[in-house]
């Protein structure tokens, strides 16, 4: 089955995943700082 995502969409998905990871680690840092 052919993947119907374009390369731009795949790149956006990757950026989103990365941003979510960074957001999670920032939240953890804030929690430990409090």
PDB file of N, CA and C in Angstrom:
ATOM      1  N   UNK A   1       0.840  -1.205   0.000  1.00  0.00           N
ATOM      2  CA  UNK A   1       0.000   0.000   0.000  1.00  0.00           C
ATOM      3  C   UNK A   1       0.882   1.266   0.000  1.00  0.00           C
ATOM      4  N   UNK A   2       0.534   2.182  -0.880  1.00  0.00           N
ATOM      5  CA  UNK A   2       1.367   3.373  -1.016  1.00  0.00           C
ATOM      6  C   UNK A   2       1.080   4.379   0.095  1.00  0.00           C
ATOM      7  N   UNK A   3       2.144   4.951   0.601  1.00  0.00           N
ATOM      8  CA  UNK A   3       2.012   5.982   1.616  1.00  0.00           C
ATOM      9  C   UNK A   3       1.545   7.267   0.938  1.00  0.00           C
ATOM     10  N   UNK A   4       0.441   7.850   1.394  1.00  0.00           N
ATOM     11  CA  UNK A   4      -0.072   9.043   0.721  1.00  0.00           C
ATOM     12  C   UNK A   4       0.348  10.347   1.399  1.00  0.00           C
ATOM     13  N   UNK A   5       1.331  10.263   2.284  1.00  0.00           N
ATOM     14  CA  UNK A   5       1.890  11.495   2.850  1.00  0.00           C
ATOM     15  C   UNK A   5       2.934  12.054   1.893  1.00  0.00           C
ATOM     16  N   UNK A   6       2.924  13.356   1.721  1.00  0.00           N
ATOM     17  CA  UNK A   6       4.010  13.972   0.955  1.00  0.00           C
ATOM     18  C   UNK A   6       5.211  14.140   1.868  1.00  0.00           C
ATOM     19  N   UNK A   7       6.355  14.416   1.281  1.00  0.00           N
ATOM     20  CA  UNK A   7       7.555  14.595   2.101  1.00  0.00           C
ATOM     21  C   UNK A   7       7.403  15.777   3.051  1.00  0.00           C
ATOM     22  N   UNK A   8       6.694  16.815   2.608  1.00  0.00           N
ATOM     23  CA  UNK A   8       6.494  17.980   3.475  1.00  0.00           C
ATOM     24  C   UNK A   8       5.677  17.591   4.700  1.00  0.00           C
ATOM     25  N   UNK A   9       4.645  16.776   4.485  1.00  0.00           N
ATOM     26  CA  UNK A   9       3.821  16.335   5.608  1.00  0.00           C
ATOM     27  C   UNK A   9       4.633  15.497   6.579  1.00  0.00           C
ATOM     28  N   UNK A  10       5.461  14.610   6.047  1.00  0.00           N
ATOM     29  CA  UNK A  10       6.304  13.771   6.896  1.00  0.00           C
ATOM     30  C   UNK A  10       7.260  14.645   7.710  1.00  0.00           C
ATOM     31  N   UNK A  11       7.852  15.656   7.077  1.00  0.00           N
ATOM     32  CA  UNK A  11       8.766  16.554   7.783  1.00  0.00           C
ATOM     33  C   UNK A  11       8.037  17.284   8.901  1.00  0.00           C
ATOM     34  N   UNK A  12       6.799  17.717   8.635  1.00  0.00           N
ATOM     35  CA  UNK A  12       6.018  18.393   9.672  1.00  0.00           C
ATOM     36  C   UNK A  12       5.725  17.456  10.829  1.00  0.00           C
ATOM     37  N   UNK A  13       5.376  16.214  10.519  1.00  0.00           N
ATOM     38  CA  UNK A  13       5.124  15.229  11.579  1.00  0.00           C
ATOM     39  C   UNK A  13       6.363  15.063  12.456  1.00  0.00           C
ATOM     40  N   UNK A  14       7.525  14.984  11.826  1.00  0.00           N
ATOM     41  CA  UNK A  14       8.771  14.825  12.574  1.00  0.00           C
ATOM     42  C   UNK A  14       9.031  16.037  13.472  1.00  0.00           C
ATOM     43  N   UNK A  15       8.803  17.229  12.939  1.00  0.00           N
ATOM     44  CA  UNK A  15       8.995  18.437  13.740  1.00  0.00           C
ATOM     45  C   UNK A  15       8.039  18.452  14.914  1.00  0.00           C
ATOM     46  N   UNK A  16       6.811  18.019  14.678  1.00  0.00           N
ATOM     47  CA  UNK A  16       5.818  17.990  15.747  1.00  0.00           C
ATOM     48  C   UNK A  16       6.239  17.021  16.844  1.00  0.00           C
ATOM     49  N   UNK A  17       6.684  15.840  16.453  1.00  0.00           N
ATOM     50  CA  UNK A  17       7.148  14.857  17.435  1.00  0.00           C
ATOM     51  C   UNK A  17       8.294  15.428  18.262  1.00  0.00           C
ATOM     52  N   UNK A  18       9.237  16.080  17.579  1.00  0.00           N
ATOM     53  CA  UNK A  18      10.390  16.656  18.266  1.00  0.00           C
ATOM     54  C   UNK A  18       9.945  17.752  19.240  1.00  0.00           C
ATOM     55  N   UNK A  19       9.021  18.595  18.798  1.00  0.00           N
ATOM     56  CA  UNK A  19       8.531  19.672  19.660  1.00  0.00           C
ATOM     57  C   UNK A  19       7.828  19.112  20.884  1.00  0.00           C
ATOM     58  N   UNK A  20       7.066  18.032  20.693  1.00  0.00           N
ATOM     59  CA  UNK A  20       6.373  17.421  21.823  1.00  0.00           C
ATOM     60  C   UNK A  20       7.378  16.879  22.834  1.00  0.00           C
ATOM     61  N   UNK A  21       8.445  16.257  22.336  1.00  0.00           N
ATOM     62  CA  UNK A  21       9.492  15.733  23.229  1.00  0.00           C
ATOM     63  C   UNK A  21      10.126  16.864  24.028  1.00  0.00           C
ATOM     64  N   UNK A  22      10.468  17.968  23.319  1.00  0.00           N
ATOM     65  CA  UNK A  22      11.106  19.094  23.992  1.00  0.00           C
ATOM     66  C   UNK A  22      10.156  19.702  25.017  1.00  0.00           C
ATOM     67  N   UNK A  23       8.882  19.782  24.668  1.00  0.00           N
ATOM     68  CA  UNK A  23       7.881  20.333  25.579  1.00  0.00           C
ATOM     69  C   UNK A  23       7.792  19.483  26.840  1.00  0.00           C
ATOM     70  N   UNK A  24       7.789  18.163  26.666  1.00  0.00           N
ATOM     71  CA  UNK A  24       7.708  17.262  27.815  1.00  0.00           C
ATOM     72  C   UNK A  24       8.898  17.453  28.740  1.00  0.00           C
ATOM     73  N   UNK A  25      10.099  17.540  28.168  1.00  0.00           N
ATOM     74  CA  UNK A  25      11.273  17.679  29.027  1.00  0.00           C
ATOM     75  C   UNK A  25      11.284  19.042  29.711  1.00  0.00           C
ATOM     76  N   UNK A  26      10.782  20.079  29.030  1.00  0.00           N
ATOM     77  CA  UNK A  26      10.682  21.391  29.679  1.00  0.00           C
ATOM     78  C   UNK A  26       9.705  21.336  30.852  1.00  0.00           C
ATOM     79  N   UNK A  27       8.581  20.675  30.655  1.00  0.00           N
ATOM     80  CA  UNK A  27       7.595  20.558  31.718  1.00  0.00           C
ATOM     81  C   UNK A  27       8.197  19.835  32.923  1.00  0.00           C
ATOM     82  N   UNK A  28       8.970  18.776  32.656  1.00  0.00           N
ATOM     83  CA  UNK A  28       9.602  18.033  33.746  1.00  0.00           C
ATOM     84  C   UNK A  28      10.597  18.924  34.490  1.00  0.00           C
ATOM     85  N   UNK A  29      11.341  19.736  33.753  1.00  0.00           N
ATOM     86  CA  UNK A  29      12.295  20.642  34.401  1.00  0.00           C
ATOM     87  C   UNK A  29      11.560  21.638  35.284  1.00  0.00           C
ATOM     88  N   UNK A  30      10.442  22.156  34.798  1.00  0.00           N
ATOM     89  CA  UNK A  30       9.662  23.101  35.597  1.00  0.00           C
ATOM     90  C   UNK A  30       9.143  22.441  36.866  1.00  0.00           C
ATOM     91  N   UNK A  31       8.648  21.210  36.724  1.00  0.00           N
ATOM     92  CA  UNK A  31       8.125  20.504  37.892  1.00  0.00           C
ATOM     93  C   UNK A  31       9.204  20.285  38.938  1.00  0.00           C
ATOM     94  N   UNK A  32      10.405  19.925  38.495  1.00  0.00           N
ATOM     95  CA  UNK A  32      11.468  19.670  39.474  1.00  0.00           C
ATOM     96  C   UNK A  32      11.965  20.982  40.065  1.00  0.00           C
ATOM     97  N   UNK A  33      11.835  22.081  39.333  1.00  0.00           N
ATOM     98  CA  UNK A  33      12.295  23.376  39.841  1.00  0.00           C
ATOM     99  C   UNK A  33      11.366  23.901  40.939  1.00  0.00           C
ATOM    100  N   UNK A  34      10.109  23.537  40.859  1.00  0.00           N
ATOM    101  CA  UNK A  34       9.155  24.067  41.852  1.00  0.00           C
ATOM    102  C   UNK A  34       9.316  23.431  43.197  1.00  0.00           C
TER     103      UNK A  34
END
